[in-house]
N, C-alpha and C. Protein backbone atom coordinates (compact mmCIF):
# COMPACT_ATOMS: atom_id res chain seq x y z
N UNK A 1 4.34 -10.06 -13.99
CA UNK A 1 3.51 -9.52 -12.95
C UNK A 1 2.16 -10.23 -12.96
N UNK A 2 1.74 -10.68 -11.79
CA UNK A 2 0.44 -11.33 -11.67
C UNK A 2 -0.61 -10.25 -11.47
N UNK A 3 -1.86 -10.59 -11.68
CA UNK A 3 -2.92 -9.60 -11.61
C UNK A 3 -3.84 -9.80 -10.40
N UNK A 4 -3.32 -10.42 -9.33
CA UNK A 4 -4.17 -10.64 -8.16
C UNK A 4 -4.03 -9.45 -7.21
N UNK A 5 -5.15 -8.84 -6.87
CA UNK A 5 -5.14 -7.68 -5.99
C UNK A 5 -5.90 -8.01 -4.72
N UNK A 6 -5.38 -7.54 -3.61
CA UNK A 6 -6.04 -7.68 -2.34
C UNK A 6 -6.41 -6.27 -1.91
N UNK A 7 -7.65 -6.03 -1.62
CA UNK A 7 -8.08 -4.70 -1.23
C UNK A 7 -8.39 -4.70 0.26
N UNK A 8 -7.92 -3.67 0.94
CA UNK A 8 -8.13 -3.53 2.37
C UNK A 8 -8.46 -2.07 2.64
N UNK A 9 -9.19 -1.82 3.70
CA UNK A 9 -9.50 -0.46 4.12
C UNK A 9 -8.86 -0.24 5.48
N UNK A 10 -8.14 0.87 5.63
CA UNK A 10 -7.47 1.20 6.88
C UNK A 10 -7.65 2.69 7.12
N UNK A 11 -8.33 3.04 8.21
CA UNK A 11 -8.58 4.45 8.55
C UNK A 11 -9.19 5.22 7.38
N UNK A 12 -10.14 4.60 6.71
CA UNK A 12 -10.85 5.17 5.56
C UNK A 12 -9.99 5.31 4.31
N UNK A 13 -8.79 4.78 4.31
CA UNK A 13 -7.92 4.77 3.13
C UNK A 13 -8.02 3.39 2.50
N UNK A 14 -7.93 3.31 1.18
CA UNK A 14 -7.96 2.05 0.48
C UNK A 14 -6.53 1.58 0.20
N UNK A 15 -6.31 0.29 0.41
CA UNK A 15 -5.01 -0.32 0.12
C UNK A 15 -5.24 -1.40 -0.93
N UNK A 16 -4.46 -1.34 -2.00
CA UNK A 16 -4.50 -2.38 -3.04
C UNK A 16 -3.11 -3.00 -3.11
N UNK A 17 -3.03 -4.28 -2.78
CA UNK A 17 -1.77 -5.01 -2.83
C UNK A 17 -1.80 -5.92 -4.06
N UNK A 18 -0.73 -5.88 -4.83
CA UNK A 18 -0.66 -6.66 -6.06
C UNK A 18 0.60 -7.52 -6.05
N UNK A 19 0.47 -8.78 -6.42
CA UNK A 19 1.63 -9.65 -6.57
C UNK A 19 2.43 -9.14 -7.77
N UNK A 20 3.68 -8.73 -7.51
CA UNK A 20 4.50 -8.14 -8.57
C UNK A 20 5.98 -8.33 -8.23
N UNK A 21 6.65 -9.19 -8.97
CA UNK A 21 8.08 -9.42 -8.75
C UNK A 21 8.87 -8.20 -9.18
N UNK A 22 9.66 -7.64 -8.26
CA UNK A 22 10.49 -6.48 -8.56
C UNK A 22 11.72 -6.55 -7.67
N UNK A 23 12.84 -6.96 -8.21
CA UNK A 23 14.09 -7.16 -7.49
C UNK A 23 13.85 -8.08 -6.29
N UNK A 24 13.98 -7.58 -5.06
CA UNK A 24 13.83 -8.46 -3.89
C UNK A 24 12.41 -8.42 -3.32
N UNK A 25 11.49 -7.77 -4.00
CA UNK A 25 10.12 -7.64 -3.52
C UNK A 25 9.17 -8.50 -4.35
N UNK A 26 8.18 -9.05 -3.69
CA UNK A 26 7.19 -9.87 -4.40
C UNK A 26 5.82 -9.20 -4.52
N UNK A 27 5.65 -8.06 -3.81
CA UNK A 27 4.36 -7.36 -3.82
C UNK A 27 4.57 -5.85 -3.93
N UNK A 28 3.67 -5.21 -4.64
CA UNK A 28 3.62 -3.75 -4.69
C UNK A 28 2.31 -3.35 -4.03
N UNK A 29 2.18 -2.06 -3.72
CA UNK A 29 0.90 -1.60 -3.19
C UNK A 29 0.62 -0.17 -3.62
N UNK A 30 -0.65 0.15 -3.56
CA UNK A 30 -1.12 1.50 -3.85
C UNK A 30 -2.06 1.89 -2.71
N UNK A 31 -1.91 3.12 -2.21
CA UNK A 31 -2.84 3.61 -1.21
C UNK A 31 -3.63 4.77 -1.81
N UNK A 32 -4.89 4.87 -1.39
CA UNK A 32 -5.75 5.96 -1.87
C UNK A 32 -6.42 6.62 -0.68
N UNK A 33 -6.25 7.93 -0.57
CA UNK A 33 -6.83 8.69 0.53
C UNK A 33 -8.33 8.83 0.33
N UNK A 34 -9.04 9.22 1.40
CA UNK A 34 -10.48 9.44 1.25
C UNK A 34 -10.81 10.52 0.21
N UNK A 35 -9.87 11.45 -0.03
CA UNK A 35 -10.10 12.50 -1.02
C UNK A 35 -9.74 12.07 -2.44
N UNK A 36 -9.21 10.84 -2.60
CA UNK A 36 -8.92 10.32 -3.93
C UNK A 36 -7.47 10.40 -4.37
N UNK A 37 -6.58 10.95 -3.54
CA UNK A 37 -5.15 10.98 -3.90
C UNK A 37 -4.57 9.59 -3.79
N UNK A 38 -3.74 9.20 -4.76
CA UNK A 38 -3.13 7.88 -4.72
C UNK A 38 -1.61 7.97 -4.69
N UNK A 39 -1.01 6.96 -4.08
CA UNK A 39 0.45 6.81 -4.08
C UNK A 39 0.75 5.34 -4.34
N UNK A 40 1.77 5.10 -5.17
CA UNK A 40 2.14 3.76 -5.58
C UNK A 40 3.54 3.44 -5.07
N UNK A 41 3.72 2.24 -4.51
CA UNK A 41 5.03 1.77 -4.05
C UNK A 41 5.32 0.47 -4.78
N UNK A 42 6.32 0.50 -5.65
CA UNK A 42 6.63 -0.67 -6.48
C UNK A 42 7.22 -1.83 -5.68
N UNK A 43 8.04 -1.52 -4.68
CA UNK A 43 8.68 -2.56 -3.88
C UNK A 43 8.04 -2.55 -2.49
N UNK A 44 6.84 -3.12 -2.41
CA UNK A 44 6.04 -3.05 -1.18
C UNK A 44 6.41 -4.05 -0.12
N UNK A 45 6.92 -5.20 -0.51
CA UNK A 45 7.29 -6.20 0.50
C UNK A 45 7.48 -7.57 -0.09
N UNK A 46 8.13 -8.41 0.70
CA UNK A 46 8.42 -9.78 0.25
C UNK A 46 7.20 -10.69 0.42
N UNK A 47 6.31 -10.33 1.35
CA UNK A 47 5.07 -11.09 1.53
C UNK A 47 3.88 -10.14 1.43
N UNK A 48 2.72 -10.70 1.22
CA UNK A 48 1.49 -9.91 1.17
C UNK A 48 1.28 -9.18 2.50
N UNK A 49 1.52 -9.89 3.60
CA UNK A 49 1.33 -9.29 4.93
C UNK A 49 2.27 -8.11 5.13
N UNK A 50 3.52 -8.24 4.72
CA UNK A 50 4.49 -7.15 4.90
C UNK A 50 4.10 -5.95 4.04
N UNK A 51 3.60 -6.18 2.85
CA UNK A 51 3.16 -5.08 1.99
C UNK A 51 2.00 -4.33 2.64
N UNK A 52 1.05 -5.06 3.24
CA UNK A 52 -0.06 -4.42 3.94
C UNK A 52 0.44 -3.61 5.13
N UNK A 53 1.40 -4.17 5.87
CA UNK A 53 1.96 -3.46 7.03
C UNK A 53 2.63 -2.16 6.58
N UNK A 54 3.39 -2.23 5.52
CA UNK A 54 4.06 -1.02 5.01
C UNK A 54 3.05 0.01 4.54
N UNK A 55 1.99 -0.44 3.89
CA UNK A 55 0.95 0.47 3.43
C UNK A 55 0.31 1.17 4.62
N UNK A 56 0.04 0.42 5.68
CA UNK A 56 -0.56 1.02 6.88
C UNK A 56 0.39 2.01 7.54
N UNK A 57 1.69 1.67 7.57
CA UNK A 57 2.68 2.60 8.12
C UNK A 57 2.71 3.90 7.31
N UNK A 58 2.62 3.77 6.02
CA UNK A 58 2.63 4.94 5.14
C UNK A 58 1.38 5.79 5.36
N UNK A 59 0.25 5.13 5.53
CA UNK A 59 -1.00 5.86 5.81
C UNK A 59 -0.90 6.60 7.13
N UNK A 60 -0.37 5.93 8.16
CA UNK A 60 -0.20 6.60 9.46
C UNK A 60 0.70 7.83 9.32
N UNK A 61 1.76 7.72 8.52
CA UNK A 61 2.66 8.84 8.30
C UNK A 61 1.94 9.97 7.57
N UNK A 62 1.17 9.64 6.54
CA UNK A 62 0.44 10.65 5.79
C UNK A 62 -0.56 11.38 6.69
N UNK A 63 -1.27 10.64 7.52
CA UNK A 63 -2.24 11.26 8.43
C UNK A 63 -1.52 12.16 9.42
N UNK A 64 -0.38 11.72 9.92
CA UNK A 64 0.41 12.51 10.84
C UNK A 64 0.87 13.82 10.20
N UNK A 65 1.29 13.77 8.95
CA UNK A 65 1.73 14.96 8.24
C UNK A 65 0.56 15.92 8.00
N UNK A 66 -0.62 15.39 7.75
CA UNK A 66 -1.79 16.22 7.52
C UNK A 66 -2.23 16.94 8.81
N UNK A 67 -1.97 16.30 9.95
CA UNK A 67 -2.37 16.87 11.23
C UNK A 67 -1.45 17.97 11.70
N UNK A 68 -0.23 18.02 11.18
CA UNK A 68 0.74 19.06 11.60
C UNK A 68 0.42 20.42 11.02
């Protein structure tokens, strides 16, 4: 596992993408809500961009669930 992290902010949530070989995935990610809750996805995507997209999709889903 490499130790390079890319940090992004999306809708006030923090996204940390890490280069991490895991089966067919090359990146993992962690999302953190504004209140400090974190979720980790070991198989985030084959590319850095795809991992960020998945993280954003997950954030959108979490926000949607909070609004219901």
